[in-house]
Amino acid sequence: MFTEVSDPFLDLRMPLQERVVDKLADMLYASDMILDMFRDERTRDFGRDLKDVEPSVRRVYDEINELMKQLTD
């Protein structure tokens, strides 16, 4: 798996809003991947513990999505 490493010097040259939006985008992508895992037919037997987590992950996704809209409009 490829993991992108951020450059701290480049990050510091970016305006704060762009850095925040960039990190929120990472969080949005990660929460979307988790939701995809829950929707995947092969993982339908993930058990009660993870089933209880799905609404929270959905809420996190929706809240981050709203923040992204506010910051980029």
C-alpha atoms as a PDB file:
ATOM      1  CA  MET A   1       0.000   0.000   0.000  1.00  0.00           C
ATOM      2  CA  PHE A   2       1.271   3.459  -0.912  1.00  0.00           C
ATOM      3  CA  THR A   3       1.115   6.089   1.802  1.00  0.00           C
ATOM      4  CA  GLU A   4       1.763   9.687   0.889  1.00  0.00           C
ATOM      5  CA  VAL A   5       4.019  11.459   3.342  1.00  0.00           C
ATOM      6  CA  SER A   6       3.513  15.173   3.645  1.00  0.00           C
ATOM      7  CA  ASP A   7       6.466  17.505   3.395  1.00  0.00           C
ATOM      8  CA  PRO A   8       6.519  19.656   6.561  1.00  0.00           C
ATOM      9  CA  PHE A   9       8.333  22.493   4.784  1.00  0.00           C
ATOM     10  CA  LEU A  10       5.856  22.564   1.929  1.00  0.00           C
ATOM     11  CA  ASP A  11       3.001  22.336   4.434  1.00  0.00           C
ATOM     12  CA  LEU A  12       4.272  25.409   6.280  1.00  0.00           C
ATOM     13  CA  ARG A  13       4.393  27.440   3.068  1.00  0.00           C
ATOM     14  CA  MET A  14       0.765  26.617   2.296  1.00  0.00           C
ATOM     15  CA  PRO A  15      -1.854  28.950   3.759  1.00  0.00           C
ATOM     16  CA  LEU A  16      -3.480  27.588   6.917  1.00  0.00           C
ATOM     17  CA  GLN A  17      -6.881  27.156   5.266  1.00  0.00           C
ATOM     18  CA  GLU A  18      -5.349  25.026   2.507  1.00  0.00           C
ATOM     19  CA  ARG A  19      -3.540  22.872   5.062  1.00  0.00           C
ATOM     20  CA  VAL A  20      -6.768  22.393   7.039  1.00  0.00           C
ATOM     21  CA  VAL A  21      -8.723  21.506   3.883  1.00  0.00           C
ATOM     22  CA  ASP A  22      -5.976  19.064   2.870  1.00  0.00           C
ATOM     23  CA  LYS A  23      -6.132  17.238   6.219  1.00  0.00           C
ATOM     24  CA  LEU A  24      -9.933  17.239   6.183  1.00  0.00           C
ATOM     25  CA  ALA A  25      -9.782  15.689   2.708  1.00  0.00           C
ATOM     26  CA  ASP A  26      -7.575  12.923   4.128  1.00  0.00           C
ATOM     27  CA  MET A  27     -10.122  12.322   6.887  1.00  0.00           C
ATOM     28  CA  LEU A  28     -13.015  12.347   4.419  1.00  0.00           C
ATOM     29  CA  TYR A  29     -11.234   9.831   2.207  1.00  0.00           C
ATOM     30  CA  ALA A  30     -10.461   7.545   5.168  1.00  0.00           C
ATOM     31  CA  SER A  31     -14.025   7.642   6.497  1.00  0.00           C
ATOM     32  CA  ASP A  32     -15.347   6.935   2.980  1.00  0.00           C
ATOM     33  CA  MET A  33     -13.064   3.911   2.736  1.00  0.00           C
ATOM     34  CA  ILE A  34     -14.392   2.625   6.074  1.00  0.00           C
ATOM     35  CA  LEU A  35     -17.979   3.040   4.875  1.00  0.00           C
ATOM     36  CA  ASP A  36     -17.083   1.156   1.686  1.00  0.00           C
ATOM     37  CA  MET A  37     -15.740  -1.687   3.823  1.00  0.00           C
ATOM     38  CA  PHE A  38     -19.052  -1.834   5.667  1.00  0.00           C
ATOM     39  CA  ARG A  39     -20.976  -1.903   2.359  1.00  0.00           C
ATOM     40  CA  ASP A  40     -18.775  -4.600   0.835  1.00  0.00           C
ATOM     41  CA  GLU A  41     -20.711  -7.857   0.586  1.00  0.00           C
ATOM     42  CA  ARG A  42     -17.627  -9.873   1.564  1.00  0.00           C
ATOM     43  CA  THR A  43     -17.526  -8.182   4.976  1.00  0.00           C
ATOM     44  CA  ARG A  44     -21.209  -8.416   5.865  1.00  0.00           C
ATOM     45  CA  ASP A  45     -20.353 -10.716   8.773  1.00  0.00           C
ATOM     46  CA  PHE A  46     -18.279  -8.068  10.567  1.00  0.00           C
ATOM     47  CA  GLY A  47     -20.192  -8.508  13.790  1.00  0.00           C
ATOM     48  CA  ARG A  48     -22.163  -6.388  16.167  1.00  0.00           C
ATOM     49  CA  ASP A  49     -19.267  -4.309  17.485  1.00  0.00           C
ATOM     50  CA  LEU A  50     -18.434  -2.886  14.081  1.00  0.00           C
ATOM     51  CA  LYS A  51     -22.076  -2.574  13.101  1.00  0.00           C
ATOM     52  CA  ASP A  52     -22.501  -0.169  16.021  1.00  0.00           C
ATOM     53  CA  VAL A  53     -19.623   1.939  14.650  1.00  0.00           C
ATOM     54  CA  GLU A  54     -21.102   2.471  11.198  1.00  0.00           C
ATOM     55  CA  PRO A  55     -23.546   5.301  12.168  1.00  0.00           C
ATOM     56  CA  SER A  56     -20.718   7.160  13.916  1.00  0.00           C
ATOM     57  CA  VAL A  57     -18.448   6.860  10.887  1.00  0.00           C
ATOM     58  CA  ARG A  58     -21.314   8.069   8.680  1.00  0.00           C
ATOM     59  CA  ARG A  59     -21.808  11.071  11.000  1.00  0.00           C
ATOM     60  CA  VAL A  60     -18.069  11.871  10.900  1.00  0.00           C
ATOM     61  CA  TYR A  61     -18.126  11.654   7.091  1.00  0.00           C
ATOM     62  CA  ASP A  62     -21.147  13.967   6.847  1.00  0.00           C
ATOM     63  CA  GLU A  63     -19.687  16.505   9.286  1.00  0.00           C
ATOM     64  CA  ILE A  64     -16.316  16.611   7.515  1.00  0.00           C
ATOM     65  CA  ASN A  65     -18.089  16.936   4.178  1.00  0.00           C
ATOM     66  CA  GLU A  66     -20.020  19.950   5.495  1.00  0.00           C
ATOM     67  CA  LEU A  67     -16.825  21.539   6.822  1.00  0.00           C
ATOM     68  CA  MET A  68     -15.177  21.041   3.449  1.00  0.00           C
ATOM     69  CA  LYS A  69     -18.086  22.760   1.727  1.00  0.00           C
ATOM     70  CA  GLN A  70     -17.891  25.709   4.131  1.00  0.00           C
ATOM     71  CA  LEU A  71     -14.152  26.120   3.676  1.00  0.00           C
ATOM     72  CA  THR A  72     -14.076  25.737  -0.097  1.00  0.00           C
ATOM     73  CA  ASP A  73     -17.144  27.775  -1.128  1.00  0.00           C
END
